[in-house]
Amino acid sequence: MQDFLLLLKSYGMELNKYTYLVVMLSVIVLTAVVVHFILHRIVLRIFEKHANNSSKLWLQIITQNKLFNRVAFTLQGIIVNFQAVIWLHKNGQASEIISTCAQLWIMLFALLSLFSLLDIALKISHKFAIASQLPLKGIVQGIKLVAAIIIGILMISVMLDQSPAILISGLGAMAAVLMLVFKDPILGLVAGIQLSANNMLMLGDWLEMPKFGADGAVIDIGLTTVKVQNWDNTITTIPTYALVSDAFKNWSGMSKSGGRRIKRSINIDATSIHFLTEDEILRLNKSRVLKPYIEARNKEISSYNQQYNEEEGNALNCRGMTNIGTFRAYLAEYLQHHTKIRKDMTLMVRQLAPGAEGMPLEIYAFTNTTAWLEYEAIQADIFDHVYAVMGEFGLRVYQSPTGNDMRNLTALAGSAQQ
């Protein structure tokens, strides 16, 4: 600085403190403008042009998130602060104002640079499979929140010219208020860690949570919310901590297993259940699927009846084949031979407790695909066949009387009266 003053004096220029201040401020402003022009108009433009033409993904991500742009602003603040310390009087008011503004500028753009760096790391992590197993977005948002609080405290301490330790010690009395204000982010961060540690939820999982009307794929796991795109393309937002405090269903296990469950029953009219007659047994024995079962059952029943000398035709003493039992055996064999049903998973046809709507006969099996459209087609095809073949066994589907049934009854009653 002294050399600069001597240089000005050699040209016959006498500077008082005000003129000196104006000159130094002009030098600082001019330097800032020149540095800004070099960094933003030349260096960054060349870099952006190179990144846009490059096939490297990380270069394009850095450019899109303006990391170097914010770093350049941070560097400009450092240069201004350095000039204020060098050119201006250390204890001068102008030096303090410019230095304070420069420090605030540096901290602000350093924070924004950190945000850009975290965003870049998050986007690059999406290219790796392991990223879907971690709530990285929630963690990144948590880091941003903590960093913003720290920088905010530092900026306030610079403006008040107080030590940050004094401000931090004073926050103890406001802890309850801060906990209330940041309740959702804190709970969300803890919930995100629990979801990840227990492998409860990942991006792309099929989540079902009726309490919040969610039934679809998880598209975003944030610090405070989880977004679910429902199958009707609506978006449901769920508080992250609700996934830990409440129950939800994750269908990812079904998707990974390669089989989707069919669990549906048909209600059979109980009055149509009876023992098979000889004619019915002979007719059903022609079925390729049923023949082994009928022959084995006939042999077993005949052996039992002969052992106890039971008279044929006595339903109370003799054993016999029922149409519903034979139908159940037929469906089990039909599913065993179905090419779209998994044989290595649970497969059964069972009776449920009878009720006012007849005797429920349930099919419990797994398809060999988890794709929704294919699954529904397979299920519909199976029950199309079930309903169509029931009549061959003398069984009827239970159905409440319809308006048409009532009209027919009324017509019959009218005909009988005539």
Protein backbone atom coordinates (compact mmCIF):
# COMPACT_ATOMS: atom_id res chain seq x y z
CA MET A 1 0.00 0.00 0.00
CA GLN A 2 2.86 2.36 0.86
CA ASP A 3 4.46 1.70 -2.53
CA PHE A 4 1.15 2.57 -4.18
CA LEU A 5 1.00 5.88 -2.25
CA LEU A 6 4.60 6.71 -3.19
CA LEU A 7 3.78 5.97 -6.81
CA LEU A 8 0.86 8.40 -6.72
CA LYS A 9 2.99 11.06 -5.01
CA SER A 10 5.67 10.73 -7.69
CA TYR A 11 3.05 11.88 -10.17
CA GLY A 12 2.24 14.85 -8.00
CA MET A 13 -0.99 13.46 -6.57
CA GLU A 14 -1.65 14.21 -2.89
CA LEU A 15 -4.37 12.01 -1.43
CA ASN A 16 -6.38 12.74 1.64
CA LYS A 17 -8.23 9.92 3.38
CA TYR A 18 -11.46 10.47 1.45
CA THR A 19 -9.78 10.53 -1.94
CA TYR A 20 -7.76 7.49 -0.94
CA LEU A 21 -10.93 5.68 0.08
CA VAL A 22 -12.60 6.47 -3.25
CA VAL A 23 -9.54 5.29 -5.19
CA MET A 24 -9.28 2.06 -3.20
CA LEU A 25 -12.98 1.34 -3.56
CA SER A 26 -12.66 1.92 -7.30
CA VAL A 27 -9.75 -0.51 -7.43
CA ILE A 28 -11.73 -3.12 -5.50
CA VAL A 29 -14.82 -2.70 -7.70
CA LEU A 30 -12.74 -2.75 -10.89
CA THR A 31 -10.91 -5.89 -9.78
CA ALA A 32 -14.22 -7.57 -8.90
CA VAL A 33 -15.64 -6.71 -12.33
CA VAL A 34 -12.55 -7.98 -14.14
CA VAL A 35 -12.49 -11.21 -12.13
CA HIS A 36 -16.24 -11.69 -12.72
CA PHE A 37 -15.79 -11.17 -16.45
CA ILE A 38 -12.87 -13.62 -16.65
CA LEU A 39 -14.58 -16.32 -14.59
CA HIS A 40 -18.14 -16.11 -15.91
CA ARG A 41 -17.68 -14.88 -19.47
CA ILE A 42 -14.60 -16.85 -20.41
CA VAL A 43 -13.67 -19.72 -18.07
CA LEU A 44 -17.16 -20.98 -17.23
CA ARG A 45 -18.46 -20.60 -20.78
CA ILE A 46 -15.56 -22.65 -22.11
CA PHE A 47 -16.18 -25.29 -19.44
CA GLU A 48 -19.94 -25.43 -20.10
CA LYS A 49 -19.38 -25.75 -23.82
CA HIS A 50 -16.93 -28.59 -23.24
CA ALA A 51 -19.33 -30.30 -20.79
CA ASN A 52 -22.29 -30.08 -23.18
CA ASN A 53 -20.23 -31.65 -25.97
CA SER A 54 -18.80 -34.33 -23.67
CA SER A 55 -20.29 -37.81 -23.27
CA LYS A 56 -19.25 -37.92 -19.61
CA LEU A 57 -22.33 -37.85 -17.44
CA TRP A 58 -20.66 -36.30 -14.39
CA LEU A 59 -19.58 -33.24 -16.40
CA GLN A 60 -23.13 -32.64 -17.57
CA ILE A 61 -24.51 -33.08 -14.03
CA ILE A 62 -21.99 -30.58 -12.62
CA THR A 63 -22.96 -28.04 -15.28
CA GLN A 64 -26.69 -28.49 -14.68
CA ASN A 65 -26.32 -27.94 -10.91
CA LYS A 66 -24.21 -24.74 -11.30
CA LEU A 67 -21.46 -25.93 -8.96
CA PHE A 68 -18.61 -24.01 -10.61
CA ASN A 69 -20.81 -20.96 -11.06
CA ARG A 70 -21.37 -20.78 -7.32
CA VAL A 71 -17.74 -21.59 -6.56
CA ALA A 72 -16.76 -18.68 -8.80
CA PHE A 73 -18.98 -16.31 -6.80
CA THR A 74 -17.39 -17.64 -3.61
CA LEU A 75 -13.94 -16.96 -5.06
CA GLN A 76 -14.99 -13.41 -5.97
CA GLY A 77 -16.04 -12.81 -2.37
CA ILE A 78 -12.69 -14.08 -1.12
CA ILE A 79 -10.85 -11.71 -3.48
CA VAL A 80 -12.96 -8.72 -2.37
CA ASN A 81 -12.39 -9.58 1.29
CA PHE A 82 -8.66 -9.95 0.70
CA GLN A 83 -8.52 -6.57 -1.06
CA ALA A 84 -10.46 -4.90 1.76
CA VAL A 85 -7.91 -6.18 4.26
CA ILE A 86 -4.91 -5.17 2.09
CA TRP A 87 -5.98 -1.81 0.66
CA LEU A 88 -8.18 -0.33 3.34
CA HIS A 89 -7.28 0.63 6.89
CA LYS A 90 -7.70 -2.30 9.21
CA ASN A 91 -9.84 -0.45 11.72
CA GLY A 92 -11.63 1.77 9.28
CA GLN A 93 -15.41 1.73 9.03
CA ALA A 94 -15.35 1.17 5.28
CA SER A 95 -13.03 -1.78 5.73
CA GLU A 96 -15.36 -3.34 8.29
CA ILE A 97 -18.45 -2.86 6.12
CA ILE A 98 -16.87 -4.28 2.97
CA SER A 99 -15.19 -7.13 4.86
CA THR A 100 -18.44 -8.03 6.63
CA CYS A 101 -20.42 -7.99 3.37
CA ALA A 102 -17.71 -10.05 1.67
CA GLN A 103 -17.71 -12.62 4.48
CA LEU A 104 -21.50 -12.92 4.32
CA TRP A 105 -21.23 -13.30 0.54
CA ILE A 106 -18.57 -16.02 0.93
CA MET A 107 -20.60 -17.99 3.48
CA LEU A 108 -23.79 -17.75 1.42
CA PHE A 109 -22.24 -18.99 -1.82
CA ALA A 110 -20.14 -21.58 0.03
CA LEU A 111 -23.42 -22.95 1.38
CA LEU A 112 -24.99 -22.92 -2.09
CA SER A 113 -21.86 -24.65 -3.46
CA LEU A 114 -22.26 -27.35 -0.84
CA PHE A 115 -25.92 -27.74 -1.87
CA SER A 116 -24.86 -28.15 -5.51
CA LEU A 117 -22.19 -30.69 -4.53
CA LEU A 118 -24.73 -32.73 -2.57
CA ASP A 119 -27.22 -32.58 -5.47
CA ILE A 120 -24.52 -33.80 -7.84
CA ALA A 121 -23.62 -36.69 -5.52
CA LEU A 122 -27.32 -37.60 -5.24
CA LYS A 123 -27.89 -37.61 -9.01
CA ILE A 124 -24.75 -39.66 -9.67
CA SER A 125 -25.72 -42.14 -6.94
CA HIS A 126 -29.00 -42.86 -8.77
CA LYS A 127 -26.93 -44.64 -11.43
CA PHE A 128 -25.95 -47.31 -8.89
CA ALA A 129 -28.31 -50.06 -7.71
CA ILE A 130 -27.31 -49.69 -4.06
CA ALA A 131 -28.71 -46.14 -4.03
CA SER A 132 -32.28 -47.49 -4.18
CA GLN A 133 -31.69 -49.25 -0.86
CA LEU A 134 -30.84 -46.05 1.01
CA PRO A 135 -32.96 -42.93 1.70
CA LEU A 136 -30.25 -40.76 0.18
CA LYS A 137 -32.54 -37.86 -0.60
CA GLY A 138 -33.65 -37.63 3.02
CA ILE A 139 -30.04 -37.82 4.22
CA VAL A 140 -28.97 -35.12 1.77
CA GLN A 141 -31.86 -32.88 2.84
CA GLY A 142 -30.86 -33.46 6.47
CA ILE A 143 -27.27 -32.44 5.75
CA LYS A 144 -28.52 -29.34 3.94
CA LEU A 145 -30.69 -28.39 6.91
CA VAL A 146 -27.82 -28.78 9.40
CA ALA A 147 -25.42 -26.89 7.12
CA ALA A 148 -27.95 -24.06 6.66
CA ILE A 149 -28.39 -23.74 10.43
CA ILE A 150 -24.63 -23.64 11.01
CA ILE A 151 -24.03 -21.07 8.27
CA GLY A 152 -26.98 -19.05 9.53
CA ILE A 153 -25.45 -18.91 13.02
CA LEU A 154 -22.07 -17.91 11.57
CA MET A 155 -23.64 -15.16 9.45
CA ILE A 156 -25.52 -13.75 12.45
CA SER A 157 -22.32 -13.84 14.51
CA VAL A 158 -20.45 -11.91 11.78
CA MET A 159 -23.18 -9.25 11.58
CA LEU A 160 -23.31 -8.87 15.37
CA ASP A 161 -19.54 -9.19 15.73
CA GLN A 162 -20.02 -11.84 18.39
CA SER A 163 -18.49 -15.28 18.85
CA PRO A 164 -20.62 -18.12 17.45
CA ALA A 165 -20.18 -19.92 20.77
CA ILE A 166 -22.21 -17.20 22.49
CA LEU A 167 -25.05 -17.61 20.02
CA ILE A 168 -24.96 -21.40 20.28
CA SER A 169 -25.03 -21.26 24.09
CA GLY A 170 -28.05 -18.99 23.87
CA LEU A 171 -29.88 -21.54 21.72
CA GLY A 172 -30.26 -23.84 24.72
CA ALA A 173 -33.19 -21.81 25.97
CA MET A 174 -34.80 -22.05 22.53
CA ALA A 175 -34.33 -25.82 22.21
CA ALA A 176 -38.01 -26.54 22.81
CA VAL A 177 -39.06 -24.00 20.19
CA LEU A 178 -36.54 -25.35 17.68
CA MET A 179 -37.71 -28.91 18.32
CA LEU A 180 -41.27 -27.80 17.60
CA VAL A 181 -40.30 -25.89 14.44
CA PHE A 182 -38.12 -28.70 13.06
CA LYS A 183 -40.26 -31.58 14.36
CA ASP A 184 -41.10 -33.01 10.93
CA PRO A 185 -37.52 -32.85 9.54
CA ILE A 186 -36.11 -34.48 12.68
CA LEU A 187 -38.73 -37.24 12.73
CA GLY A 188 -38.31 -37.69 8.96
CA LEU A 189 -34.54 -38.04 9.22
CA VAL A 190 -34.82 -40.64 11.99
CA ALA A 191 -37.57 -42.48 10.10
CA GLY A 192 -35.47 -42.50 6.91
CA ILE A 193 -32.58 -44.09 8.77
CA GLN A 194 -34.90 -46.71 10.27
CA LEU A 195 -36.45 -47.49 6.89
CA SER A 196 -33.00 -47.98 5.41
CA ALA A 197 -31.49 -49.91 8.34
CA ASN A 198 -34.43 -52.34 8.46
CA ASN A 199 -34.75 -52.57 4.66
CA MET A 200 -38.41 -51.60 4.93
CA LEU A 201 -38.85 -49.45 1.82
CA MET A 202 -36.95 -48.57 -1.34
CA LEU A 203 -37.60 -46.53 -4.46
CA GLY A 204 -39.79 -48.41 -6.91
CA ASP A 205 -41.44 -50.60 -4.26
CA TRP A 206 -45.17 -51.20 -4.46
CA LEU A 207 -46.58 -49.65 -1.28
CA GLU A 208 -50.13 -49.99 -0.01
CA MET A 209 -51.30 -47.79 2.89
CA PRO A 210 -55.10 -47.44 2.97
CA LYS A 211 -54.99 -44.89 5.80
CA PHE A 212 -53.46 -42.35 3.40
CA GLY A 213 -55.11 -43.69 0.24
CA ALA A 214 -51.78 -44.89 -1.14
CA ASP A 215 -51.59 -47.88 -3.48
CA GLY A 216 -48.80 -47.66 -6.03
CA ALA A 217 -45.06 -47.29 -6.64
CA VAL A 218 -42.75 -45.24 -4.41
CA ILE A 219 -41.21 -42.50 -6.57
CA ASP A 220 -39.53 -40.34 -3.94
CA ILE A 221 -38.29 -40.75 -0.36
CA GLY A 222 -37.61 -37.30 1.08
CA LEU A 223 -36.70 -35.92 4.46
CA THR A 224 -40.27 -35.15 5.47
CA THR A 225 -42.45 -36.89 2.85
CA VAL A 226 -42.66 -40.03 0.75
CA LYS A 227 -44.38 -39.73 -2.63
CA VAL A 228 -46.38 -42.64 -4.03
CA GLN A 229 -47.67 -42.70 -7.59
CA ASN A 230 -50.94 -44.63 -7.40
CA TRP A 231 -52.07 -46.94 -10.16
CA ASP A 232 -54.57 -44.31 -11.31
CA ASN A 233 -51.56 -41.95 -11.78
CA THR A 234 -52.50 -39.74 -8.83
CA ILE A 235 -49.76 -38.81 -6.35
CA THR A 236 -50.16 -39.48 -2.63
CA THR A 237 -47.84 -37.77 -0.15
CA ILE A 238 -47.17 -39.57 3.14
CA PRO A 239 -45.19 -38.17 6.11
CA THR A 240 -41.96 -40.16 6.34
CA TYR A 241 -42.31 -40.81 10.04
CA ALA A 242 -45.82 -42.26 9.45
CA LEU A 243 -44.20 -45.23 7.71
CA VAL A 244 -42.49 -46.10 10.99
CA SER A 245 -45.31 -45.27 13.39
CA ASP A 246 -48.12 -46.82 11.29
CA ALA A 247 -48.47 -50.11 9.41
CA PHE A 248 -48.12 -50.38 5.63
CA LYS A 249 -47.90 -53.19 3.11
CA ASN A 250 -44.83 -53.53 0.88
CA TRP A 251 -45.43 -55.76 -2.13
CA SER A 252 -41.76 -55.95 -3.13
CA GLY A 253 -41.47 -59.47 -1.68
CA MET A 254 -44.18 -60.63 -4.06
CA SER A 255 -42.44 -59.02 -7.01
CA LYS A 256 -39.10 -60.64 -6.12
CA SER A 257 -40.66 -64.08 -5.60
CA GLY A 258 -41.85 -64.24 -9.20
CA GLY A 259 -45.32 -65.41 -8.22
CA ARG A 260 -48.51 -63.52 -7.39
CA ARG A 261 -51.22 -65.07 -5.25
CA ILE A 262 -54.70 -65.99 -6.39
CA LYS A 263 -57.02 -66.21 -3.39
CA ARG A 264 -60.61 -66.14 -4.50
CA SER A 265 -63.63 -68.24 -3.64
CA ILE A 266 -66.88 -69.18 -5.36
CA ASN A 267 -70.11 -69.68 -3.39
CA ILE A 268 -71.83 -72.96 -4.15
CA ASP A 269 -75.53 -73.48 -3.54
CA ALA A 270 -75.56 -75.95 -0.63
CA THR A 271 -78.79 -77.58 -1.91
CA SER A 272 -76.93 -78.79 -5.03
CA ILE A 273 -74.44 -80.88 -3.01
CA HIS A 274 -75.14 -84.65 -3.19
CA PHE A 275 -73.55 -88.08 -3.57
CA LEU A 276 -72.62 -88.99 -7.12
CA THR A 277 -74.77 -91.59 -8.85
CA GLU A 278 -73.29 -94.42 -10.87
CA ASP A 279 -74.19 -92.67 -14.11
CA GLU A 280 -72.49 -89.48 -12.97
CA ILE A 281 -69.37 -91.41 -11.90
CA LEU A 282 -69.19 -93.15 -15.29
CA ARG A 283 -69.58 -89.84 -17.10
CA LEU A 284 -66.96 -88.05 -14.99
CA ASN A 285 -64.58 -91.01 -15.29
CA LYS A 286 -64.16 -90.12 -18.95
CA SER A 287 -62.25 -87.02 -17.89
CA ARG A 288 -58.50 -87.48 -18.35
CA VAL A 289 -57.85 -85.29 -15.31
CA LEU A 290 -60.38 -87.02 -13.03
CA LYS A 291 -59.90 -90.67 -14.03
CA PRO A 292 -56.96 -91.44 -11.67
CA TYR A 293 -58.77 -89.80 -8.76
CA ILE A 294 -62.10 -91.58 -9.39
CA GLU A 295 -60.44 -94.97 -9.74
CA ALA A 296 -58.44 -94.49 -6.54
CA ARG A 297 -61.47 -93.25 -4.60
CA ASN A 298 -63.68 -96.06 -5.91
CA LYS A 299 -61.12 -98.60 -4.78
CA GLU A 300 -60.81 -96.98 -1.34
CA ILE A 301 -64.60 -96.69 -0.83
CA SER A 302 -65.30 -100.22 -2.04
CA SER A 303 -62.63 -101.60 0.29
CA TYR A 304 -64.15 -99.76 3.25
CA ASN A 305 -67.72 -100.83 2.50
CA GLN A 306 -66.68 -104.46 2.06
CA GLN A 307 -64.67 -104.41 5.27
CA TYR A 308 -67.67 -103.34 7.31
CA ASN A 309 -70.27 -105.18 5.16
CA GLU A 310 -72.18 -102.00 4.57
CA GLU A 311 -75.20 -102.10 2.29
CA GLU A 312 -74.98 -100.06 -0.86
CA GLY A 313 -77.46 -97.24 -1.10
CA ASN A 314 -77.45 -96.57 2.63
CA ALA A 315 -76.01 -93.09 2.81
CA LEU A 316 -75.84 -93.18 6.60
CA ASN A 317 -73.51 -96.18 6.69
CA CYS A 318 -71.85 -96.47 3.29
CA ARG A 319 -69.14 -94.18 2.09
CA GLY A 320 -69.53 -92.53 -1.29
CA MET A 321 -68.19 -89.81 -3.54
CA THR A 322 -69.77 -86.38 -3.34
CA ASN A 323 -70.01 -84.04 -6.26
CA ILE A 324 -68.37 -81.18 -4.33
CA GLY A 325 -65.46 -83.38 -3.22
CA THR A 326 -64.93 -84.61 -6.77
CA PHE A 327 -65.18 -81.05 -8.05
CA ARG A 328 -62.56 -79.94 -5.52
CA ALA A 329 -60.24 -82.75 -6.63
CA TYR A 330 -60.83 -81.80 -10.26
CA LEU A 331 -59.89 -78.16 -9.63
CA ALA A 332 -56.72 -79.18 -7.78
CA GLU A 333 -55.63 -81.37 -10.71
CA TYR A 334 -56.66 -78.70 -13.20
CA LEU A 335 -54.40 -76.16 -11.44
CA GLN A 336 -51.57 -78.71 -11.25
CA HIS A 337 -51.69 -79.04 -15.02
CA HIS A 338 -52.11 -75.30 -15.67
CA THR A 339 -49.03 -73.90 -17.40
CA LYS A 340 -49.36 -70.46 -15.79
CA ILE A 341 -49.51 -71.68 -12.17
CA ARG A 342 -46.42 -72.12 -9.98
CA LYS A 343 -46.05 -75.70 -8.75
CA ASP A 344 -43.27 -74.87 -6.25
CA MET A 345 -45.57 -72.58 -4.23
CA THR A 346 -48.67 -73.29 -2.18
CA LEU A 347 -51.45 -74.70 -4.32
CA MET A 348 -54.75 -75.91 -2.89
CA VAL A 349 -58.51 -75.85 -3.27
CA ARG A 350 -60.27 -75.69 0.10
CA GLN A 351 -63.68 -75.29 1.64
CA LEU A 352 -64.35 -72.30 3.86
CA ALA A 353 -66.94 -72.02 6.58
CA PRO A 354 -70.45 -72.11 5.05
CA GLY A 355 -72.68 -69.11 5.54
CA ALA A 356 -75.87 -67.49 4.40
CA GLU A 357 -74.46 -67.25 0.87
CA GLY A 358 -73.72 -70.93 0.45
CA MET A 359 -70.58 -73.05 0.66
CA PRO A 360 -67.41 -71.08 -0.30
CA LEU A 361 -64.87 -73.08 -2.29
CA GLU A 362 -61.57 -71.20 -2.40
CA ILE A 363 -58.75 -71.45 -4.92
CA TYR A 364 -55.36 -70.64 -3.39
CA ALA A 365 -52.48 -70.64 -5.86
CA PHE A 366 -49.69 -68.49 -7.33
CA THR A 367 -49.27 -67.40 -10.94
CA ASN A 368 -45.87 -67.58 -12.64
CA THR A 369 -45.88 -63.85 -13.30
CA THR A 370 -46.27 -60.72 -11.19
CA ALA A 371 -47.27 -58.44 -14.06
CA TRP A 372 -50.68 -57.03 -13.24
CA LEU A 373 -52.34 -57.43 -16.66
CA GLU A 374 -51.06 -60.99 -17.13
CA TYR A 375 -52.05 -61.92 -13.59
CA GLU A 376 -55.61 -60.69 -14.03
CA ALA A 377 -55.90 -62.50 -17.37
CA ILE A 378 -54.73 -65.80 -15.83
CA GLN A 379 -57.08 -65.44 -12.86
CA ALA A 380 -60.05 -64.60 -15.08
CA ASP A 381 -59.29 -67.54 -17.38
CA ILE A 382 -59.24 -69.96 -14.43
CA PHE A 383 -62.56 -68.77 -13.03
CA ASP A 384 -64.15 -68.68 -16.47
CA HIS A 385 -63.42 -72.39 -16.63
CA VAL A 386 -64.56 -73.01 -13.05
CA TYR A 387 -67.97 -71.46 -13.57
CA ALA A 388 -68.44 -73.15 -16.93
CA VAL A 389 -67.60 -76.66 -15.66
CA MET A 390 -69.58 -76.63 -12.40
CA GLY A 391 -72.72 -77.89 -14.09
CA GLU A 392 -70.93 -81.11 -15.08
CA PHE A 393 -70.78 -81.99 -11.38
CA GLY A 394 -74.40 -81.10 -10.68
CA LEU A 395 -73.40 -78.02 -8.70
CA ARG A 396 -74.94 -74.58 -8.84
CA VAL A 397 -73.49 -71.19 -8.00
CA TYR A 398 -75.24 -69.45 -5.14
CA GLN A 399 -76.86 -66.21 -6.30
CA SER A 400 -79.35 -63.98 -4.52
CA PRO A 401 -82.70 -63.67 -6.33
CA THR A 402 -82.58 -60.96 -8.96
CA GLY A 403 -85.38 -58.78 -10.23
CA ASN A 404 -85.77 -61.13 -13.19
CA ASP A 405 -86.19 -64.10 -10.82
CA MET A 406 -88.91 -62.29 -8.94
CA ARG A 407 -90.73 -61.43 -12.19
CA ASN A 408 -90.60 -65.08 -13.26
CA LEU A 409 -91.99 -66.19 -9.90
CA THR A 410 -94.77 -63.61 -10.18
CA ALA A 411 -95.58 -64.81 -13.69
CA LEU A 412 -95.66 -68.45 -12.56
CA ALA A 413 -97.90 -67.60 -9.64
CA GLY A 414 -100.27 -65.72 -11.96
CA SER A 415 -100.37 -68.67 -14.39
CA ALA A 416 -101.14 -71.09 -11.56
CA GLN A 417 -104.06 -68.96 -10.36
CA GLN A 418 -105.53 -68.91 -13.84
